[in-house]
Amino acid sequence: MSAPKINPDLHQARKPDWIKVRLPSNPAFFSTKALVADLKLHTVCESAQCPNRWECWSQGTATFMIAGERCTRACGFCAVSTAKPLALEVDEPERVAEAVIRLKLKHVVITAVARDDVEDGGAEHFARTIEAVRARDPEMIIEVLTPDFNGKEFALQKVLDARPHIFNHNLETVERLTPVVRSRAKYRLSLKFLQRAKELLPSTVTKSGLMLGLGETENEIFQAMDDLREHNVQVLTMGQYLRPTPQHLPVVEYINPETFTLYGDIARRKGFEFVASGPLVRSSYHADDFNPLPYGAPTPETPKG
């Protein structure tokens, strides 16, 4: 599989106006940044160079990235550092819970780097973080965005035993481009992983995301939508891929907002219960716009044993 072809004119051009973001001016941005630093936490907002971090932090929200900031995979799109990870921090779940309380969140998103160095891929760490947050606020809506744990069902079960309201695992791209875009991850494995999550915990809401602009065709996008629906995925996010550094995959196309709106409408017609589609949309962007409770999300109590 060859890498997406570089369009020299596009590669050197300035980003279109609809991609530009405003610099922070709200004091809440700086207080959120200080809180994250004070509790020695990592956020995907910073580590993945999310274009929305100014907006989200200005509103007092952040997506917490647990299990360190060193990933064992080297995906062609991702700005997170690839390096030998450090040991998991035992007190990190409690620090995340403390941050959630201080920020007065109602909906928290917890993600993580891939930890292929750990037998369960960090699944137990996810579970402990969910439990720590729920212990501090039983009414909290908890969303997790996990790696594929190499398809290990026992690891998936560990996360689901903690009963997250929303289980998110990103497909990222279409099937043809997966070997180039994603390190180690497989398209069909991700689909089965999402389907199995729904089977193991029917009350959780399943969610996935696609990055566009990597060289996929419209038909491939629509096929990915169909594949996700066939595997019982309920929520879909679609956003523009932005190249974090010159060493990462090039942007093949900047897709205009009107096309994103069209794709969102098509996705809804295909049966997704909630869709967020726009150039700056990311997996956790405005995550609290979706309320999972009408779709049979689990009760806050975590089963014992």
Protein backbone atom coordinates (compact mmCIF):
# COMPACT_ATOMS: atom_id res chain seq x y z
CA MET A 1 0.00 0.00 0.00
CA SER A 2 1.51 3.33 -1.09
CA ALA A 3 1.19 6.54 0.86
CA PRO A 4 -1.30 9.19 -0.29
CA LYS A 5 0.09 11.31 -3.10
CA ILE A 6 1.21 14.80 -2.18
CA ASN A 7 -0.40 17.68 -4.04
CA PRO A 8 2.54 20.17 -4.11
CA ASP A 9 0.27 23.20 -4.49
CA LEU A 10 -1.92 22.12 -1.59
CA HIS A 11 1.08 21.09 0.53
CA GLN A 12 2.56 24.59 0.35
CA ALA A 13 -0.68 26.54 0.43
CA ARG A 14 -2.09 28.26 3.48
CA LYS A 15 -4.96 26.57 5.22
CA PRO A 16 -8.40 27.72 4.07
CA ASP A 17 -10.24 30.26 6.20
CA TRP A 18 -12.61 27.67 7.64
CA ILE A 19 -9.68 25.86 9.26
CA LYS A 20 -8.31 28.87 11.13
CA VAL A 21 -8.88 29.07 14.88
CA ARG A 22 -8.87 32.01 17.26
CA LEU A 23 -6.23 32.39 19.96
CA PRO A 24 -7.50 32.28 23.53
CA SER A 25 -8.66 35.36 25.38
CA ASN A 26 -11.04 33.83 27.93
CA PRO A 27 -9.53 33.51 31.44
CA ALA A 28 -11.07 30.02 31.66
CA PHE A 29 -8.52 28.83 29.09
CA PHE A 30 -5.62 29.72 31.35
CA SER A 31 -7.28 28.36 34.49
CA THR A 32 -7.94 25.03 32.75
CA LYS A 33 -4.34 24.90 31.55
CA ALA A 34 -3.13 25.63 35.09
CA LEU A 35 -5.39 22.96 36.58
CA VAL A 36 -4.10 20.30 34.17
CA ALA A 37 -0.52 21.26 35.00
CA ASP A 38 -1.20 21.34 38.74
CA LEU A 39 -2.56 17.79 38.72
CA LYS A 40 0.22 16.60 36.37
CA LEU A 41 -2.25 15.28 33.81
CA HIS A 42 -2.03 14.84 30.06
CA THR A 43 -4.71 15.88 27.62
CA VAL A 44 -5.23 14.78 24.06
CA CYS A 45 -5.89 18.48 23.42
CA GLU A 46 -2.18 19.23 23.78
CA SER A 47 -0.53 15.92 22.95
CA ALA A 48 -2.43 15.48 19.68
CA GLN A 49 -2.32 19.20 18.82
CA CYS A 50 -6.11 19.42 18.64
CA PRO A 51 -7.21 22.59 16.80
CA ASN A 52 -10.09 23.06 19.23
CA ARG A 53 -8.08 23.18 22.43
CA TRP A 54 -8.38 26.99 22.59
CA GLU A 55 -12.16 26.81 22.42
CA CYS A 56 -12.62 23.80 24.70
CA TRP A 57 -10.24 25.04 27.38
CA SER A 58 -11.85 28.46 27.25
CA GLN A 59 -15.10 26.70 28.14
CA GLY A 60 -13.42 24.81 30.97
CA THR A 61 -13.42 21.38 29.31
CA ALA A 62 -10.63 18.99 28.36
CA THR A 63 -10.24 15.41 27.17
CA PHE A 64 -8.00 13.51 29.56
CA MET A 65 -5.34 11.21 28.11
CA ILE A 66 -4.36 8.56 30.61
CA ALA A 67 -1.54 6.00 30.69
CA GLY A 68 1.15 8.53 29.89
CA GLU A 69 2.04 10.57 26.80
CA ARG A 70 4.26 7.98 25.09
CA CYS A 71 2.51 5.72 22.59
CA THR A 72 3.75 2.31 21.47
CA ARG A 73 2.41 2.90 17.96
CA ALA A 74 3.48 5.31 15.22
CA CYS A 75 0.35 6.20 13.27
CA GLY A 76 0.95 8.36 10.22
CA PHE A 77 -1.55 11.02 11.29
CA CYS A 78 -0.95 11.34 15.03
CA ALA A 79 1.15 13.94 16.87
CA VAL A 80 1.43 11.91 20.09
CA SER A 81 5.04 10.86 20.73
CA THR A 82 6.10 7.31 19.93
CA ALA A 83 8.53 6.02 22.56
CA LYS A 84 9.01 3.37 25.22
CA PRO A 85 6.30 4.18 27.78
CA LEU A 86 6.88 4.81 31.45
CA ALA A 87 5.17 2.77 34.15
CA LEU A 88 1.48 3.43 34.71
CA GLU A 89 0.88 5.93 37.50
CA VAL A 90 -1.22 4.33 40.21
CA ASP A 91 -2.68 7.63 41.41
CA GLU A 92 -3.57 8.96 37.96
CA PRO A 93 -7.23 7.83 38.11
CA GLU A 94 -7.75 9.86 41.29
CA ARG A 95 -6.06 12.90 39.74
CA VAL A 96 -8.37 12.69 36.73
CA ALA A 97 -11.37 12.46 39.06
CA GLU A 98 -10.16 15.51 40.96
CA ALA A 99 -9.82 17.47 37.72
CA VAL A 100 -13.33 16.49 36.65
CA ILE A 101 -14.74 17.78 39.94
CA ARG A 102 -12.77 21.03 39.85
CA LEU A 103 -13.90 21.71 36.28
CA LYS A 104 -17.52 20.97 37.26
CA LEU A 105 -17.99 18.73 34.25
CA LYS A 106 -21.18 16.85 33.48
CA HIS A 107 -19.68 14.78 30.65
CA VAL A 108 -16.07 13.58 30.70
CA VAL A 109 -14.08 11.97 27.87
CA ILE A 110 -11.20 9.68 28.83
CA THR A 111 -8.78 8.46 26.20
CA ALA A 112 -5.30 6.92 26.25
CA VAL A 113 -2.22 6.19 24.25
CA ALA A 114 -1.79 2.66 22.94
CA ARG A 115 0.04 0.58 25.54
CA ASP A 116 1.07 -2.57 23.69
CA ASP A 117 3.77 -3.03 26.33
CA VAL A 118 1.08 -3.96 28.89
CA GLU A 119 -0.72 -7.30 28.66
CA ASP A 120 -4.19 -5.77 28.80
CA GLY A 121 -3.23 -2.68 26.79
CA GLY A 122 -4.05 -0.43 29.73
CA ALA A 123 -7.64 -1.64 30.06
CA GLU A 124 -7.48 -2.00 33.85
CA HIS A 125 -6.20 1.58 34.05
CA PHE A 126 -9.22 2.73 32.04
CA ALA A 127 -11.53 0.85 34.39
CA ARG A 128 -9.91 2.30 37.50
CA THR A 129 -10.24 5.81 36.08
CA ILE A 130 -13.93 5.32 35.28
CA GLU A 131 -14.52 4.02 38.80
CA ALA A 132 -12.61 6.91 40.39
CA VAL A 133 -14.65 9.50 38.47
CA ARG A 134 -17.93 7.78 39.26
CA ALA A 135 -17.06 7.56 42.95
CA ARG A 136 -16.69 11.35 43.02
CA ASP A 137 -19.81 12.03 40.92
CA PRO A 138 -22.26 9.15 40.33
CA GLU A 139 -24.24 11.29 37.86
CA MET A 140 -21.29 11.97 35.55
CA ILE A 141 -21.69 10.92 31.91
CA ILE A 142 -18.52 8.96 31.16
CA GLU A 143 -17.22 8.45 27.64
CA VAL A 144 -14.12 6.43 26.83
CA LEU A 145 -12.11 6.52 23.63
CA THR A 146 -9.93 3.43 23.62
CA PRO A 147 -7.28 1.81 21.41
CA ASP A 148 -8.10 -1.65 20.05
CA PHE A 149 -6.19 -3.57 22.78
CA ASN A 150 -5.00 -5.77 19.89
CA GLY A 151 -8.48 -7.25 19.80
CA LYS A 152 -8.15 -8.92 23.22
CA GLU A 153 -11.65 -9.51 24.50
CA PHE A 154 -10.61 -9.88 28.14
CA ALA A 155 -9.20 -6.34 27.96
CA LEU A 156 -12.34 -4.97 26.35
CA GLN A 157 -14.39 -6.69 29.03
CA LYS A 158 -12.37 -4.95 31.77
CA VAL A 159 -13.36 -1.56 30.42
CA LEU A 160 -16.98 -2.52 29.92
CA ASP A 161 -17.24 -3.95 33.43
CA ALA A 162 -16.78 -0.36 34.63
CA ARG A 163 -19.88 0.55 32.59
CA PRO A 164 -19.00 3.65 30.55
CA HIS A 165 -22.02 5.40 29.09
CA ILE A 166 -20.32 5.81 25.71
CA PHE A 167 -17.72 3.49 24.20
CA ASN A 168 -15.73 5.14 21.42
CA HIS A 169 -13.10 3.58 19.19
CA ASN A 170 -12.10 5.45 16.05
CA LEU A 171 -12.01 3.80 12.65
CA GLU A 172 -9.99 6.88 11.58
CA THR A 173 -10.08 6.25 7.83
CA VAL A 174 -11.44 4.08 5.03
CA GLU A 175 -10.39 0.48 4.56
CA ARG A 176 -8.00 1.08 1.64
CA LEU A 177 -5.97 3.69 3.51
CA THR A 178 -5.88 1.95 6.89
CA PRO A 179 -2.47 0.24 6.39
CA VAL A 180 -0.88 3.62 5.65
CA VAL A 181 -2.72 5.75 8.19
CA ARG A 182 -2.88 3.47 11.25
CA SER A 183 0.00 1.64 12.89
CA ARG A 184 -0.78 -2.04 13.59
CA ALA A 185 -4.53 -1.39 13.72
CA LYS A 186 -6.75 -3.18 11.20
CA TYR A 187 -10.00 -1.89 9.71
CA ARG A 188 -12.01 -5.09 10.13
CA LEU A 189 -10.64 -5.67 13.64
CA SER A 190 -11.82 -2.22 14.69
CA LEU A 191 -15.30 -2.91 13.31
CA LYS A 192 -15.52 -6.22 15.17
CA PHE A 193 -14.15 -4.55 18.30
CA LEU A 194 -16.95 -1.98 18.24
CA GLN A 195 -19.58 -4.61 17.54
CA ARG A 196 -18.33 -6.79 20.36
CA ALA A 197 -18.45 -3.86 22.79
CA LYS A 198 -22.14 -3.45 22.03
CA GLU A 199 -22.75 -7.17 22.44
CA LEU A 200 -20.94 -7.34 25.78
CA LEU A 201 -22.64 -4.23 27.17
CA PRO A 202 -25.82 -3.54 25.18
CA SER A 203 -26.62 -0.48 27.28
CA THR A 204 -23.48 1.39 26.21
CA VAL A 205 -23.64 3.72 23.21
CA THR A 206 -21.04 2.89 20.57
CA LYS A 207 -19.25 5.68 18.73
CA SER A 208 -16.53 6.04 16.09
CA GLY A 209 -14.82 8.73 14.05
CA LEU A 210 -13.37 9.35 10.60
CA MET A 211 -10.72 11.80 9.42
CA LEU A 212 -11.29 13.09 5.90
CA GLY A 213 -8.84 14.61 3.44
CA LEU A 214 -6.34 11.76 3.34
CA GLY A 215 -7.16 10.73 -0.22
CA GLU A 216 -10.35 8.72 0.33
CA THR A 217 -13.16 8.79 -2.23
CA GLU A 218 -16.79 9.61 -1.53
CA ASN A 219 -17.81 6.03 -2.19
CA GLU A 220 -15.22 4.84 0.33
CA ILE A 221 -16.60 7.26 2.93
CA PHE A 222 -20.13 5.99 2.35
CA GLN A 223 -18.90 2.39 2.56
CA ALA A 224 -17.22 3.13 5.89
CA MET A 225 -20.51 4.56 7.15
CA ASP A 226 -22.33 1.41 6.03
CA ASP A 227 -19.70 -0.80 7.66
CA LEU A 228 -20.06 1.05 10.96
CA ARG A 229 -23.83 0.79 10.90
CA GLU A 230 -23.63 -2.93 10.07
CA HIS A 231 -21.55 -3.31 13.23
CA ASN A 232 -24.12 -1.46 15.37
CA VAL A 233 -22.22 1.81 15.80
CA GLN A 234 -24.65 4.54 16.86
CA VAL A 235 -22.68 7.80 16.87
CA LEU A 236 -20.32 9.12 14.19
CA THR A 237 -17.89 12.06 14.07
CA MET A 238 -16.21 13.31 10.89
CA GLY A 239 -13.54 15.99 10.68
CA GLN A 240 -10.72 17.31 8.52
CA TYR A 241 -7.30 15.69 8.84
CA LEU A 242 -4.66 18.30 9.65
CA ARG A 243 -0.98 17.45 9.28
CA PRO A 244 0.73 17.99 12.65
CA THR A 245 4.33 18.06 11.31
CA PRO A 246 6.12 17.64 7.95
CA GLN A 247 7.00 14.08 9.03
CA HIS A 248 3.34 13.06 9.08
CA LEU A 249 1.04 12.12 6.22
CA PRO A 250 0.18 14.98 3.87
CA VAL A 251 -3.23 16.54 3.53
CA VAL A 252 -4.54 15.46 0.14
CA GLU A 253 -7.67 17.62 0.20
CA TYR A 254 -9.26 20.34 2.31
CA ILE A 255 -12.96 19.55 2.37
CA ASN A 256 -15.30 22.52 2.56
CA PRO A 257 -17.91 22.91 5.33
CA GLU A 258 -20.82 22.42 2.92
CA THR A 259 -19.53 18.98 1.97
CA PHE A 260 -19.15 18.06 5.63
CA THR A 261 -22.77 19.11 6.17
CA LEU A 262 -23.83 16.91 3.25
CA TYR A 263 -21.90 13.93 4.63
CA GLY A 264 -23.52 14.48 8.01
CA ASP A 265 -26.98 14.45 6.46
CA ILE A 266 -26.18 11.24 4.58
CA ALA A 267 -24.88 9.61 7.76
CA ARG A 268 -28.12 10.45 9.59
CA ARG A 269 -30.14 8.95 6.76
CA LYS A 270 -28.05 5.80 7.09
CA GLY A 271 -29.28 5.45 10.66
CA PHE A 272 -26.70 7.01 12.98
CA GLU A 273 -28.45 8.35 16.05
CA PHE A 274 -26.13 11.34 16.37
CA VAL A 275 -23.62 12.80 13.90
CA ALA A 276 -21.08 15.61 14.26
CA SER A 277 -19.54 16.54 10.90
CA GLY A 278 -17.38 19.58 10.19
CA PRO A 279 -13.80 20.60 9.40
CA LEU A 280 -12.77 21.07 13.04
CA VAL A 281 -14.84 18.24 14.50
CA ARG A 282 -12.84 15.74 16.55
CA SER A 283 -13.93 12.68 18.52
CA SER A 284 -14.49 14.57 21.75
CA TYR A 285 -15.37 18.00 20.34
CA HIS A 286 -18.63 19.13 21.99
CA ALA A 287 -19.07 15.54 23.16
CA ASP A 288 -21.66 16.70 25.65
CA ASP A 289 -23.95 17.78 22.79
CA PHE A 290 -24.99 14.13 22.66
CA ASN A 291 -27.00 12.79 25.59
CA PRO A 292 -26.67 8.99 25.69
CA LEU A 293 -29.36 8.45 28.31
CA PRO A 294 -32.33 8.19 25.91
CA TYR A 295 -30.52 5.34 24.17
CA GLY A 296 -30.43 3.10 27.23
CA ALA A 297 -27.08 4.06 28.71
CA PRO A 298 -26.08 2.17 31.85
CA THR A 299 -26.96 3.17 35.35
CA PRO A 300 -24.13 4.88 37.28
CA GLU A 301 -23.56 2.00 39.66
CA THR A 302 -20.56 -0.15 38.89
CA PRO A 303 -21.17 -3.88 39.49
CA LYS A 304 -19.02 -5.49 42.14
CA GLY A 305 -17.05 -8.66 41.65
